[in-house]
Amino acid sequence: NWNFQAYINVLPMVPELLKNNFILMLVVPTIGVTLAACMAWVGTRFKTRLRKGIDITVMVAVAVPSVVGALGFLFFGLSVNSHVAIYGTIWLIAIAMAARYLTWANRTVTGAMMQLHPEIEEAGLVSGVRKGRSFVSIVLPNVARSLLISWFWLALLSLRELTIPIMLSRRGTDVFATAIWGLNTSGITDEAAALSVILACLILLLVVVFHLISTKWVVQK
């Protein structure tokens, strides 16, 4: 018989899962897009050896499998735990995921910055605006749409990510993906399916909200 018992059983789990996923959805895209914007600016505006180093660093995130990257951050968390108690926290997961998704954000923002002619910044320099300030007041507003789309994209990716959280999560840091995986491997398939439906509905809701926000923003611009 079809009923809602599985949903009732998983309801106590939902608040903590929502909290952890909400933290990741805010922290991961914010770190990723901020680093991507800075690296894209250096890569498109400065003709130095640093450009190649940045490109290699960004592409390494794609080349390295998620499991290997998560293992590296696991050892990183253990090595710095005596100084910064980050091991076993949601913050280590957020940093690892931001590093993983940096490439996606960087490619999007870099493409937007390459379409922005350097003469705009040069005009600012002639007017006495320093490079750092021109980046904030001239470049970023002109690529704001790409930044917004990248932020939304990374937020959605962080919501459904499994590999990194399952390697780094401990008690109290579970997210929807790890909870679903744990229930399914334990043979509690009804509850796993119920959480999967809740996650799918949450993703759909966020996609609609993000679409409305981006559409309204574009119309206003």
N, C-alpha and C. Protein backbone atom coordinates (compact mmCIF):
# COMPACT_ATOMS: atom_id res chain seq x y z
N ASN A 1 0.83 -1.19 0.00
CA ASN A 1 0.00 0.00 0.00
C ASN A 1 0.87 1.26 0.00
N TRP A 2 0.46 2.23 -0.78
CA TRP A 2 1.22 3.48 -0.87
C TRP A 2 0.83 4.40 0.28
N ASN A 3 1.84 4.89 1.03
CA ASN A 3 1.57 5.78 2.15
C ASN A 3 2.75 6.71 2.35
N PHE A 4 2.63 7.57 3.36
CA PHE A 4 3.66 8.57 3.65
C PHE A 4 4.52 8.19 4.85
N GLN A 5 4.52 6.93 5.24
CA GLN A 5 5.25 6.52 6.44
C GLN A 5 6.76 6.77 6.30
N ALA A 6 7.30 6.51 5.10
CA ALA A 6 8.73 6.72 4.89
C ALA A 6 9.11 8.19 5.07
N TYR A 7 8.23 9.09 4.60
CA TYR A 7 8.49 10.53 4.76
C TYR A 7 8.42 10.93 6.23
N ILE A 8 7.48 10.34 6.95
CA ILE A 8 7.36 10.63 8.39
C ILE A 8 8.60 10.15 9.13
N ASN A 9 9.15 9.01 8.72
CA ASN A 9 10.33 8.45 9.39
C ASN A 9 11.58 9.31 9.19
N VAL A 10 11.69 9.96 8.03
CA VAL A 10 12.90 10.75 7.75
C VAL A 10 12.78 12.21 8.18
N LEU A 11 11.59 12.62 8.59
CA LEU A 11 11.40 14.03 8.98
C LEU A 11 12.37 14.50 10.06
N PRO A 12 12.67 13.70 11.10
CA PRO A 12 13.63 14.17 12.12
C PRO A 12 15.02 14.44 11.56
N MET A 13 15.37 13.82 10.44
CA MET A 13 16.69 14.01 9.85
C MET A 13 16.78 15.29 9.03
N VAL A 14 15.65 15.75 8.52
CA VAL A 14 15.64 16.83 7.53
C VAL A 14 16.22 18.16 8.05
N PRO A 15 15.88 18.63 9.27
CA PRO A 15 16.42 19.94 9.70
C PRO A 15 17.94 20.00 9.69
N GLU A 16 18.62 18.97 10.21
CA GLU A 16 20.08 18.99 10.22
C GLU A 16 20.65 18.90 8.81
N LEU A 17 20.04 18.08 7.97
CA LEU A 17 20.50 17.97 6.58
C LEU A 17 20.32 19.28 5.84
N LEU A 18 19.19 19.94 6.07
CA LEU A 18 18.96 21.24 5.44
C LEU A 18 19.98 22.27 5.90
N LYS A 19 20.29 22.26 7.20
CA LYS A 19 21.26 23.22 7.73
C LYS A 19 22.62 23.02 7.09
N ASN A 20 23.10 21.78 7.03
CA ASN A 20 24.41 21.50 6.45
C ASN A 20 24.45 21.81 4.97
N ASN A 21 23.40 21.43 4.25
CA ASN A 21 23.35 21.74 2.82
C ASN A 21 23.26 23.24 2.57
N PHE A 22 22.55 23.93 3.43
CA PHE A 22 22.43 25.39 3.29
C PHE A 22 23.78 26.06 3.49
N ILE A 23 24.55 25.58 4.47
CA ILE A 23 25.90 26.13 4.69
C ILE A 23 26.76 25.92 3.45
N LEU A 24 26.73 24.70 2.91
CA LEU A 24 27.52 24.41 1.71
C LEU A 24 27.07 25.24 0.52
N MET A 25 25.77 25.43 0.38
CA MET A 25 25.25 26.21 -0.74
C MET A 25 25.64 27.68 -0.66
N LEU A 26 25.91 28.17 0.52
CA LEU A 26 26.36 29.56 0.66
C LEU A 26 27.87 29.68 0.57
N VAL A 27 28.58 28.80 1.24
CA VAL A 27 30.04 28.92 1.37
C VAL A 27 30.76 28.49 0.10
N VAL A 28 30.37 27.33 -0.46
CA VAL A 28 31.08 26.78 -1.62
C VAL A 28 31.06 27.74 -2.82
N PRO A 29 29.88 28.20 -3.28
CA PRO A 29 29.89 29.11 -4.43
C PRO A 29 30.53 30.46 -4.13
N THR A 30 30.41 30.93 -2.89
CA THR A 30 31.02 32.22 -2.55
C THR A 30 32.54 32.14 -2.63
N ILE A 31 33.13 31.10 -2.05
CA ILE A 31 34.58 30.91 -2.13
C ILE A 31 34.99 30.67 -3.58
N GLY A 32 34.28 29.77 -4.25
CA GLY A 32 34.64 29.40 -5.62
C GLY A 32 34.58 30.57 -6.59
N VAL A 33 33.51 31.34 -6.54
CA VAL A 33 33.35 32.46 -7.47
C VAL A 33 34.33 33.59 -7.15
N THR A 34 34.58 33.83 -5.87
CA THR A 34 35.55 34.87 -5.48
C THR A 34 36.95 34.53 -6.00
N LEU A 35 37.39 33.30 -5.76
CA LEU A 35 38.70 32.88 -6.26
C LEU A 35 38.73 32.88 -7.79
N ALA A 36 37.64 32.42 -8.40
CA ALA A 36 37.59 32.36 -9.86
C ALA A 36 37.70 33.74 -10.47
N ALA A 37 37.02 34.72 -9.88
CA ALA A 37 37.07 36.09 -10.41
C ALA A 37 38.47 36.67 -10.31
N CYS A 38 39.11 36.47 -9.17
CA CYS A 38 40.48 36.99 -8.97
C CYS A 38 41.46 36.32 -9.93
N MET A 39 41.35 34.99 -10.06
CA MET A 39 42.26 34.26 -10.94
C MET A 39 42.00 34.59 -12.41
N ALA A 40 40.74 34.78 -12.77
CA ALA A 40 40.41 35.14 -14.15
C ALA A 40 40.95 36.52 -14.49
N TRP A 41 40.88 37.44 -13.54
CA TRP A 41 41.38 38.81 -13.76
C TRP A 41 42.89 38.79 -13.98
N VAL A 42 43.61 38.07 -13.12
CA VAL A 42 45.06 37.96 -13.27
C VAL A 42 45.41 37.26 -14.59
N GLY A 43 44.66 36.22 -14.92
CA GLY A 43 44.95 35.46 -16.12
C GLY A 43 44.67 36.19 -17.41
N THR A 44 43.74 37.15 -17.40
CA THR A 44 43.39 37.87 -18.63
C THR A 44 44.01 39.26 -18.71
N ARG A 45 44.52 39.77 -17.60
CA ARG A 45 45.01 41.15 -17.61
C ARG A 45 46.52 41.28 -17.38
N PHE A 46 47.16 40.27 -16.83
CA PHE A 46 48.58 40.37 -16.51
C PHE A 46 49.36 39.38 -17.36
N LYS A 47 50.34 39.87 -18.11
CA LYS A 47 51.17 39.02 -18.95
C LYS A 47 52.42 38.61 -18.18
N THR A 48 52.25 37.69 -17.28
CA THR A 48 53.36 37.20 -16.47
C THR A 48 53.35 35.66 -16.48
N ARG A 49 54.41 35.08 -15.92
CA ARG A 49 54.48 33.62 -15.81
C ARG A 49 53.40 33.08 -14.90
N LEU A 50 52.87 33.95 -14.07
CA LEU A 50 51.82 33.53 -13.15
C LEU A 50 50.58 33.04 -13.88
N ARG A 51 50.36 33.52 -15.10
CA ARG A 51 49.18 33.12 -15.87
C ARG A 51 49.16 31.62 -16.11
N LYS A 52 50.31 31.07 -16.53
CA LYS A 52 50.37 29.63 -16.80
C LYS A 52 50.17 28.83 -15.52
N GLY A 53 50.75 29.33 -14.45
CA GLY A 53 50.59 28.65 -13.16
C GLY A 53 49.13 28.61 -12.73
N ILE A 54 48.43 29.72 -12.96
CA ILE A 54 47.01 29.78 -12.60
C ILE A 54 46.19 28.82 -13.45
N ASP A 55 46.47 28.79 -14.77
CA ASP A 55 45.73 27.89 -15.66
C ASP A 55 45.94 26.43 -15.27
N ILE A 56 47.18 26.09 -14.94
CA ILE A 56 47.48 24.71 -14.54
C ILE A 56 46.77 24.37 -13.24
N THR A 57 46.81 25.30 -12.29
CA THR A 57 46.16 25.07 -11.00
C THR A 57 44.66 24.87 -11.16
N VAL A 58 44.06 25.70 -12.01
CA VAL A 58 42.62 25.60 -12.23
C VAL A 58 42.25 24.28 -12.88
N MET A 59 43.01 23.86 -13.88
CA MET A 59 42.68 22.64 -14.61
C MET A 59 42.98 21.38 -13.81
N VAL A 60 43.87 21.47 -12.83
CA VAL A 60 44.17 20.31 -11.98
C VAL A 60 42.91 19.86 -11.24
N ALA A 61 42.07 20.81 -10.89
CA ALA A 61 40.84 20.48 -10.16
C ALA A 61 39.96 19.53 -10.96
N VAL A 62 40.00 19.64 -12.30
CA VAL A 62 39.21 18.75 -13.14
C VAL A 62 39.93 17.42 -13.35
N ALA A 63 41.26 17.47 -13.47
CA ALA A 63 42.04 16.26 -13.75
C ALA A 63 42.06 15.29 -12.57
N VAL A 64 42.07 15.84 -11.37
CA VAL A 64 42.14 14.99 -10.17
C VAL A 64 40.76 14.44 -9.85
N PRO A 65 40.61 13.12 -9.71
CA PRO A 65 39.30 12.55 -9.34
C PRO A 65 38.83 13.06 -7.98
N SER A 66 37.53 13.14 -7.81
CA SER A 66 36.96 13.66 -6.56
C SER A 66 37.42 12.88 -5.35
N VAL A 67 37.54 11.55 -5.49
CA VAL A 67 37.96 10.72 -4.36
C VAL A 67 39.38 11.07 -3.94
N VAL A 68 40.27 11.25 -4.93
CA VAL A 68 41.66 11.58 -4.63
C VAL A 68 41.75 12.97 -3.99
N GLY A 69 41.01 13.92 -4.54
CA GLY A 69 41.01 15.27 -3.97
C GLY A 69 40.48 15.28 -2.55
N ALA A 70 39.39 14.54 -2.32
CA ALA A 70 38.83 14.47 -0.97
C ALA A 70 39.82 13.84 0.00
N LEU A 71 40.55 12.81 -0.45
CA LEU A 71 41.55 12.18 0.41
C LEU A 71 42.67 13.15 0.75
N GLY A 72 43.05 13.97 -0.24
CA GLY A 72 44.07 14.98 0.02
C GLY A 72 43.62 15.99 1.06
N PHE A 73 42.38 16.43 0.98
CA PHE A 73 41.86 17.38 1.97
C PHE A 73 41.64 16.71 3.32
N LEU A 74 41.41 15.40 3.31
CA LEU A 74 41.31 14.67 4.57
C LEU A 74 42.63 14.73 5.34
N PHE A 75 43.73 14.47 4.63
CA PHE A 75 45.05 14.55 5.27
C PHE A 75 45.40 15.99 5.62
N PHE A 76 44.97 16.93 4.78
CA PHE A 76 45.19 18.34 5.09
C PHE A 76 44.49 18.73 6.39
N GLY A 77 43.24 18.30 6.54
CA GLY A 77 42.50 18.60 7.76
C GLY A 77 43.16 18.00 8.98
N LEU A 78 43.69 16.78 8.84
CA LEU A 78 44.38 16.14 9.97
C LEU A 78 45.67 16.87 10.32
N SER A 79 46.39 17.35 9.29
CA SER A 79 47.69 17.99 9.53
C SER A 79 47.57 19.35 10.21
N VAL A 80 46.48 20.05 9.94
CA VAL A 80 46.33 21.40 10.53
C VAL A 80 45.37 21.40 11.71
N ASN A 81 44.86 20.23 12.06
CA ASN A 81 43.83 20.18 13.10
C ASN A 81 44.32 20.65 14.46
N SER A 82 45.63 20.47 14.73
CA SER A 82 46.17 20.91 16.02
C SER A 82 46.21 22.43 16.12
N HIS A 83 46.24 23.11 14.98
CA HIS A 83 46.25 24.57 14.95
C HIS A 83 44.87 25.14 14.65
N VAL A 84 44.19 24.53 13.68
CA VAL A 84 42.83 24.95 13.30
C VAL A 84 41.95 23.71 13.31
N ALA A 85 41.00 23.69 14.22
CA ALA A 85 40.14 22.50 14.39
C ALA A 85 39.11 22.43 13.27
N ILE A 86 39.58 22.02 12.09
CA ILE A 86 38.71 21.99 10.91
C ILE A 86 38.35 20.57 10.52
N TYR A 87 39.12 19.60 11.00
CA TYR A 87 38.87 18.20 10.63
C TYR A 87 37.53 17.73 11.20
N GLY A 88 36.75 17.07 10.34
CA GLY A 88 35.46 16.56 10.77
C GLY A 88 34.36 17.59 10.84
N THR A 89 34.61 18.79 10.28
CA THR A 89 33.60 19.85 10.30
C THR A 89 33.06 20.08 8.89
N ILE A 90 31.97 20.79 8.82
CA ILE A 90 31.35 21.10 7.53
C ILE A 90 32.23 22.07 6.73
N TRP A 91 33.11 22.79 7.42
CA TRP A 91 33.94 23.79 6.75
C TRP A 91 35.02 23.13 5.89
N LEU A 92 35.55 21.99 6.33
CA LEU A 92 36.53 21.27 5.51
C LEU A 92 35.87 20.75 4.24
N ILE A 93 34.65 20.27 4.38
CA ILE A 93 33.89 19.81 3.21
C ILE A 93 33.67 20.97 2.24
N ALA A 94 33.33 22.14 2.78
CA ALA A 94 33.08 23.31 1.94
C ALA A 94 34.34 23.73 1.19
N ILE A 95 35.48 23.74 1.86
CA ILE A 95 36.73 24.13 1.21
C ILE A 95 37.09 23.14 0.10
N ALA A 96 36.93 21.85 0.38
CA ALA A 96 37.25 20.82 -0.61
C ALA A 96 36.34 20.93 -1.83
N MET A 97 35.08 21.18 -1.61
CA MET A 97 34.13 21.30 -2.72
C MET A 97 34.38 22.57 -3.52
N ALA A 98 34.74 23.66 -2.84
CA ALA A 98 35.04 24.91 -3.54
C ALA A 98 36.25 24.73 -4.45
N ALA A 99 37.26 24.01 -3.96
CA ALA A 99 38.45 23.74 -4.78
C ALA A 99 38.08 22.86 -5.98
N ARG A 100 37.19 21.92 -5.76
CA ARG A 100 36.77 21.02 -6.83
C ARG A 100 36.02 21.77 -7.94
N TYR A 101 35.16 22.69 -7.57
CA TYR A 101 34.32 23.38 -8.54
C TYR A 101 34.92 24.69 -9.04
N LEU A 102 36.14 24.99 -8.63
CA LEU A 102 36.77 26.24 -9.03
C LEU A 102 36.89 26.36 -10.54
N THR A 103 37.18 25.24 -11.21
CA THR A 103 37.37 25.25 -12.67
C THR A 103 36.12 25.72 -13.40
N TRP A 104 34.97 25.20 -12.98
CA TRP A 104 33.72 25.56 -13.65
C TRP A 104 33.46 27.07 -13.57
N ALA A 105 33.63 27.62 -12.39
CA ALA A 105 33.41 29.05 -12.21
C ALA A 105 34.46 29.86 -12.97
N ASN A 106 35.71 29.41 -12.92
CA ASN A 106 36.79 30.16 -13.56
C ASN A 106 36.62 30.23 -15.06
N ARG A 107 36.22 29.13 -15.70
CA ARG A 107 36.04 29.13 -17.15
C ARG A 107 34.92 30.10 -17.56
N THR A 108 33.85 30.12 -16.77
CA THR A 108 32.72 31.00 -17.09
C THR A 108 33.12 32.47 -16.94
N VAL A 109 33.76 32.79 -15.82
CA VAL A 109 34.14 34.18 -15.56
C VAL A 109 35.25 34.64 -16.51
N THR A 110 36.18 33.74 -16.81
CA THR A 110 37.27 34.09 -17.74
C THR A 110 36.72 34.45 -19.11
N GLY A 111 35.74 33.67 -19.59
CA GLY A 111 35.12 33.97 -20.87
C GLY A 111 34.48 35.34 -20.89
N ALA A 112 33.85 35.72 -19.77
CA ALA A 112 33.22 37.04 -19.69
C ALA A 112 34.26 38.15 -19.65
N MET A 113 35.35 37.93 -18.93
CA MET A 113 36.38 38.97 -18.82
C MET A 113 37.14 39.15 -20.12
N MET A 114 37.27 38.09 -20.90
CA MET A 114 37.96 38.21 -22.19
C MET A 114 37.17 39.06 -23.17
N GLN A 115 35.85 39.13 -22.97
CA GLN A 115 35.01 39.97 -23.83
C GLN A 115 35.04 41.43 -23.38
N LEU A 116 35.58 41.69 -22.20
CA LEU A 116 35.66 43.06 -21.67
C LEU A 116 37.01 43.65 -22.06
N HIS A 117 37.00 44.69 -22.87
CA HIS A 117 38.25 45.24 -23.39
C HIS A 117 39.04 45.92 -22.28
N PRO A 118 40.37 45.69 -22.25
CA PRO A 118 41.22 46.30 -21.22
C PRO A 118 41.21 47.83 -21.24
N GLU A 119 40.79 48.44 -22.36
CA GLU A 119 40.79 49.90 -22.44
C GLU A 119 39.86 50.52 -21.41
N ILE A 120 38.84 49.78 -20.98
CA ILE A 120 37.94 50.30 -19.94
C ILE A 120 38.71 50.53 -18.65
N GLU A 121 39.55 49.57 -18.30
CA GLU A 121 40.37 49.71 -17.09
C GLU A 121 41.46 50.76 -17.29
N GLU A 122 42.00 50.80 -18.50
CA GLU A 122 43.04 51.80 -18.78
C GLU A 122 42.48 53.21 -18.63
N ALA A 123 41.23 53.39 -19.04
CA ALA A 123 40.59 54.70 -18.86
C ALA A 123 40.48 55.04 -17.38
N GLY A 124 40.21 54.03 -16.58
CA GLY A 124 40.14 54.26 -15.14
C GLY A 124 41.50 54.62 -14.56
N LEU A 125 42.57 53.95 -15.06
CA LEU A 125 43.91 54.24 -14.59
C LEU A 125 44.31 55.68 -14.94
N VAL A 126 43.93 56.11 -16.13
CA VAL A 126 44.22 57.49 -16.55
C VAL A 126 43.52 58.48 -15.62
N SER A 127 42.34 58.09 -15.14
CA SER A 127 41.57 58.96 -14.24
C SER A 127 42.05 58.88 -12.80
N GLY A 128 43.08 58.06 -12.57
CA GLY A 128 43.64 57.98 -11.23
C GLY A 128 43.11 56.83 -10.39
N VAL A 129 42.36 55.92 -11.00
CA VAL A 129 41.83 54.76 -10.27
C VAL A 129 42.88 53.65 -10.26
N ARG A 130 43.19 53.12 -9.10
CA ARG A 130 44.19 52.06 -9.00
C ARG A 130 43.65 50.75 -9.57
N LYS A 131 44.57 49.83 -9.89
CA LYS A 131 44.17 48.57 -10.51
C LYS A 131 43.19 47.78 -9.64
N GLY A 132 43.50 47.70 -8.34
CA GLY A 132 42.63 46.95 -7.45
C GLY A 132 41.22 47.52 -7.40
N ARG A 133 41.15 48.83 -7.34
CA ARG A 133 39.83 49.48 -7.28
C ARG A 133 39.10 49.38 -8.62
N SER A 134 39.85 49.44 -9.73
CA SER A 134 39.21 49.30 -11.04
C SER A 134 38.64 47.90 -11.21
N PHE A 135 39.30 46.92 -10.60
CA PHE A 135 38.79 45.55 -10.65
C PHE A 135 37.44 45.46 -9.95
N VAL A 136 37.35 46.11 -8.80
CA VAL A 136 36.11 46.05 -8.01
C VAL A 136 35.01 46.92 -8.60
N SER A 137 35.37 48.13 -9.03
CA SER A 137 34.35 49.09 -9.45
C SER A 137 34.05 49.09 -10.94
N ILE A 138 34.94 48.51 -11.76
CA ILE A 138 34.74 48.53 -13.21
C ILE A 138 34.55 47.12 -13.77
N VAL A 139 35.48 46.22 -13.45
CA VAL A 139 35.44 44.88 -14.04
C VAL A 139 34.29 44.05 -13.49
N LEU A 140 34.21 43.94 -12.17
CA LEU A 140 33.19 43.07 -11.56
C LEU A 140 31.75 43.46 -11.94
N PRO A 141 31.40 44.75 -11.93
CA PRO A 141 30.03 45.09 -12.36
C PRO A 141 29.72 44.69 -13.80
N ASN A 142 30.74 44.70 -14.66
CA ASN A 142 30.51 44.36 -16.07
C ASN A 142 30.42 42.86 -16.31
N VAL A 143 30.91 42.06 -15.37
CA VAL A 143 30.80 40.61 -15.51
C VAL A 143 29.89 40.03 -14.43
N ALA A 144 29.05 40.89 -13.87
CA ALA A 144 28.20 40.48 -12.75
C ALA A 144 27.26 39.34 -13.12
N ARG A 145 26.77 39.35 -14.35
CA ARG A 145 25.85 38.28 -14.76
C ARG A 145 26.54 36.93 -14.74
N SER A 146 27.76 36.87 -15.25
CA SER A 146 28.53 35.62 -15.24
C SER A 146 28.82 35.17 -13.81
N LEU A 147 29.12 36.14 -12.95
CA LEU A 147 29.36 35.82 -11.54
C LEU A 147 28.10 35.22 -10.90
N LEU A 148 26.96 35.82 -11.20
CA LEU A 148 25.70 35.35 -10.64
C LEU A 148 25.37 33.95 -11.12
N ILE A 149 25.51 33.71 -12.42
CA ILE A 149 25.22 32.40 -12.99
C ILE A 149 26.17 31.35 -12.41
N SER A 150 27.45 31.71 -12.30
CA SER A 150 28.43 30.78 -11.73
C SER A 150 28.09 30.46 -10.28
N TRP A 151 27.65 31.47 -9.54
CA TRP A 151 27.29 31.25 -8.14
C TRP A 151 26.11 30.28 -8.03
N PHE A 152 25.09 30.50 -8.85
CA PHE A 152 23.93 29.60 -8.85
C PHE A 152 24.34 28.18 -9.24
N TRP A 153 25.18 28.08 -10.24
CA TRP A 153 25.62 26.78 -10.74
C TRP A 153 26.36 26.00 -9.66
N LEU A 154 27.31 26.64 -9.00
CA LEU A 154 28.07 25.98 -7.94
C LEU A 154 27.19 25.63 -6.75
N ALA A 155 26.21 26.48 -6.47
CA ALA A 155 25.29 26.18 -5.37
C ALA A 155 24.51 24.90 -5.64
N LEU A 156 24.05 24.73 -6.87
CA LEU A 156 23.31 23.52 -7.23
C LEU A 156 24.22 22.30 -7.24
N LEU A 157 25.45 22.46 -7.72
CA LEU A 157 26.39 21.35 -7.72
C LEU A 157 26.71 20.90 -6.30
N SER A 158 26.86 21.85 -5.40
CA SER A 158 27.17 21.51 -4.01
C SER A 158 26.01 20.81 -3.32
N LEU A 159 24.80 21.05 -3.79
CA LEU A 159 23.63 20.44 -3.18
C LEU A 159 23.55 18.95 -3.47
N ARG A 160 23.99 18.53 -4.65
CA ARG A 160 23.85 17.11 -5.02
C ARG A 160 25.16 16.33 -4.94
N GLU A 161 26.26 16.95 -4.53
CA GLU A 161 27.56 16.28 -4.46
C GLU A 161 27.56 15.16 -3.42
N LEU A 162 28.14 14.03 -3.78
CA LEU A 162 28.21 12.88 -2.87
C LEU A 162 29.64 12.50 -2.51
N THR A 163 30.52 12.44 -3.51
CA THR A 163 31.84 11.87 -3.30
C THR A 163 32.64 12.57 -2.21
N ILE A 164 32.75 13.89 -2.29
CA ILE A 164 33.54 14.63 -1.31
C ILE A 164 32.92 14.58 0.09
N PRO A 165 31.62 14.86 0.24
CA PRO A 165 31.04 14.76 1.59
C PRO A 165 31.14 13.37 2.20
N ILE A 166 31.02 12.32 1.39
CA ILE A 166 31.04 10.98 1.96
C ILE A 166 32.44 10.61 2.45
N MET A 167 33.47 11.25 1.87
CA MET A 167 34.84 11.01 2.32
C MET A 167 35.20 11.83 3.55
N LEU A 168 34.57 12.99 3.70
CA LEU A 168 34.98 13.93 4.75
C LEU A 168 33.96 14.10 5.87
N SER A 169 32.73 13.64 5.66
CA SER A 169 31.70 13.89 6.67
C SER A 169 31.88 13.01 7.89
N ARG A 170 31.50 13.54 9.02
CA ARG A 170 31.49 12.80 10.29
C ARG A 170 30.12 13.04 10.92
N ARG A 171 29.94 12.54 12.13
CA ARG A 171 28.66 12.72 12.80
C ARG A 171 28.33 14.21 12.93
N GLY A 172 27.15 14.58 12.47
CA GLY A 172 26.72 15.97 12.55
C GLY A 172 27.02 16.79 11.31
N THR A 173 27.71 16.17 10.33
CA THR A 173 28.03 16.91 9.09
C THR A 173 27.43 16.23 7.87
N ASP A 174 26.48 15.35 8.06
CA ASP A 174 25.83 14.68 6.93
C ASP A 174 25.02 15.68 6.11
N VAL A 175 24.96 15.41 4.80
CA VAL A 175 24.10 16.17 3.90
C VAL A 175 23.11 15.19 3.26
N PHE A 176 22.23 15.70 2.43
CA PHE A 176 21.20 14.84 1.84
C PHE A 176 21.82 13.66 1.08
N ALA A 177 22.85 13.93 0.28
CA ALA A 177 23.45 12.88 -0.54
C ALA A 177 24.04 11.75 0.31
N THR A 178 24.76 12.10 1.39
CA THR A 178 25.37 11.08 2.24
C THR A 178 24.30 10.33 3.04
N ALA A 179 23.26 11.03 3.45
CA ALA A 179 22.18 10.38 4.20
C ALA A 179 21.45 9.36 3.31
N ILE A 180 21.20 9.75 2.06
CA ILE A 180 20.54 8.84 1.11
C ILE A 180 21.41 7.62 0.87
N TRP A 181 22.69 7.85 0.66
CA TRP A 181 23.63 6.74 0.42
C TRP A 181 23.68 5.81 1.63
N GLY A 182 23.74 6.37 2.83
CA GLY A 182 23.80 5.56 4.03
C GLY A 182 22.55 4.72 4.24
N LEU A 183 21.40 5.31 4.02
CA LEU A 183 20.15 4.57 4.17
C LEU A 183 20.04 3.46 3.12
N ASN A 184 20.44 3.77 1.90
CA ASN A 184 20.33 2.78 0.83
C ASN A 184 21.26 1.59 1.06
N THR A 185 22.50 1.86 1.47
CA THR A 185 23.44 0.77 1.72
C THR A 185 23.06 -0.05 2.95
N SER A 186 22.27 0.55 3.84
CA SER A 186 21.80 -0.18 5.03
C SER A 186 20.53 -0.98 4.74
N GLY A 187 20.03 -0.90 3.52
CA GLY A 187 18.85 -1.64 3.15
C GLY A 187 17.54 -0.94 3.48
N ILE A 188 17.63 0.31 3.95
CA ILE A 188 16.42 1.08 4.29
C ILE A 188 16.02 1.88 3.05
N THR A 189 15.55 1.16 2.05
CA THR A 189 15.34 1.77 0.74
C THR A 189 14.15 2.73 0.69
N ASP A 190 13.12 2.46 1.49
CA ASP A 190 11.94 3.35 1.47
C ASP A 190 12.31 4.75 1.95
N GLU A 191 13.05 4.81 3.06
CA GLU A 191 13.46 6.10 3.60
C GLU A 191 14.46 6.80 2.67
N ALA A 192 15.34 5.99 2.05
CA ALA A 192 16.29 6.55 1.09
C ALA A 192 15.56 7.17 -0.09
N ALA A 193 14.53 6.48 -0.57
CA ALA A 193 13.73 7.01 -1.68
C ALA A 193 12.99 8.27 -1.27
N ALA A 194 12.48 8.30 -0.04
CA ALA A 194 11.76 9.48 0.45
C ALA A 194 12.69 10.69 0.50
N LEU A 195 13.91 10.50 1.02
CA LEU A 195 14.88 11.60 1.05
C LEU A 195 15.27 12.03 -0.36
N SER A 196 15.35 11.08 -1.28
CA SER A 196 15.69 11.40 -2.67
C SER A 196 14.61 12.29 -3.29
N VAL A 197 13.36 11.98 -3.02
CA VAL A 197 12.26 12.80 -3.53
C VAL A 197 12.32 14.20 -2.93
N ILE A 198 12.59 14.29 -1.62
CA ILE A 198 12.71 15.60 -0.97
C ILE A 198 13.85 16.40 -1.58
N LEU A 199 14.99 15.75 -1.83
CA LEU A 199 16.13 16.42 -2.44
C LEU A 199 15.80 16.89 -3.85
N ALA A 200 15.12 16.04 -4.63
CA ALA A 200 14.74 16.42 -5.99
C ALA A 200 13.80 17.62 -5.99
N CYS A 201 12.87 17.63 -5.06
CA CYS A 201 11.94 18.76 -4.96
C CYS A 201 12.67 20.04 -4.54
N LEU A 202 13.65 19.90 -3.65
CA LEU A 202 14.43 21.05 -3.21
C LEU A 202 15.24 21.62 -4.37
N ILE A 203 15.86 20.74 -5.15
CA ILE A 203 16.64 21.19 -6.31
C ILE A 203 15.73 21.90 -7.32
N LEU A 204 14.56 21.32 -7.57
CA LEU A 204 13.62 21.94 -8.51
C LEU A 204 13.17 23.31 -8.03
N LEU A 205 12.91 23.42 -6.73
CA LEU A 205 12.50 24.71 -6.16
C LEU A 205 13.61 25.74 -6.31
N LEU A 206 14.83 25.35 -6.04
CA LEU A 206 15.95 26.28 -6.14
C LEU A 206 16.20 26.70 -7.59
N VAL A 207 16.05 25.76 -8.52
CA VAL A 207 16.21 26.09 -9.94
C VAL A 207 15.19 27.15 -10.35
N VAL A 208 13.95 26.98 -9.90
CA VAL A 208 12.91 27.96 -10.22
C VAL A 208 13.23 29.31 -9.59
N VAL A 209 13.64 29.31 -8.33
CA VAL A 209 13.99 30.57 -7.65
C VAL A 209 15.16 31.25 -8.33
N PHE A 210 16.21 30.49 -8.64
CA PHE A 210 17.38 31.06 -9.30
C PHE A 210 17.01 31.62 -10.67
N HIS A 211 16.14 30.92 -11.38
CA HIS A 211 15.71 31.39 -12.70
C HIS A 211 14.95 32.71 -12.59
N LEU A 212 14.06 32.80 -11.61
CA LEU A 212 13.28 34.03 -11.43
C LEU A 212 14.19 35.19 -11.04
N ILE A 213 15.16 34.93 -10.15
CA ILE A 213 16.07 35.99 -9.73
C ILE A 213 16.93 36.47 -10.89
N SER A 214 17.49 35.52 -11.64
CA SER A 214 18.37 35.91 -12.76
C SER A 214 17.58 36.62 -13.86
N THR A 215 16.35 36.16 -14.12
CA THR A 215 15.53 36.81 -15.15
C THR A 215 15.17 38.23 -14.74
N LYS A 216 14.78 38.41 -13.48
CA LYS A 216 14.43 39.73 -12.99
C LYS A 216 15.63 40.66 -13.02
N TRP A 217 16.81 40.11 -12.67
CA TRP A 217 18.03 40.91 -12.65
C TRP A 217 18.40 41.37 -14.05
N VAL A 218 18.27 40.46 -15.03
CA VAL A 218 18.59 40.81 -16.40
C VAL A 218 17.63 41.87 -16.94
N VAL A 219 16.35 41.74 -16.64
CA VAL A 219 15.36 42.71 -17.08
C VAL A 219 15.65 44.09 -16.51
N GLN A 220 16.02 44.13 -15.21
CA GLN A 220 16.34 45.40 -14.58
C GLN A 220 17.56 46.03 -15.20
N LYS A 221 18.56 45.19 -15.57
CA LYS A 221 19.74 45.73 -16.19
C LYS A 221 19.46 46.30 -17.58
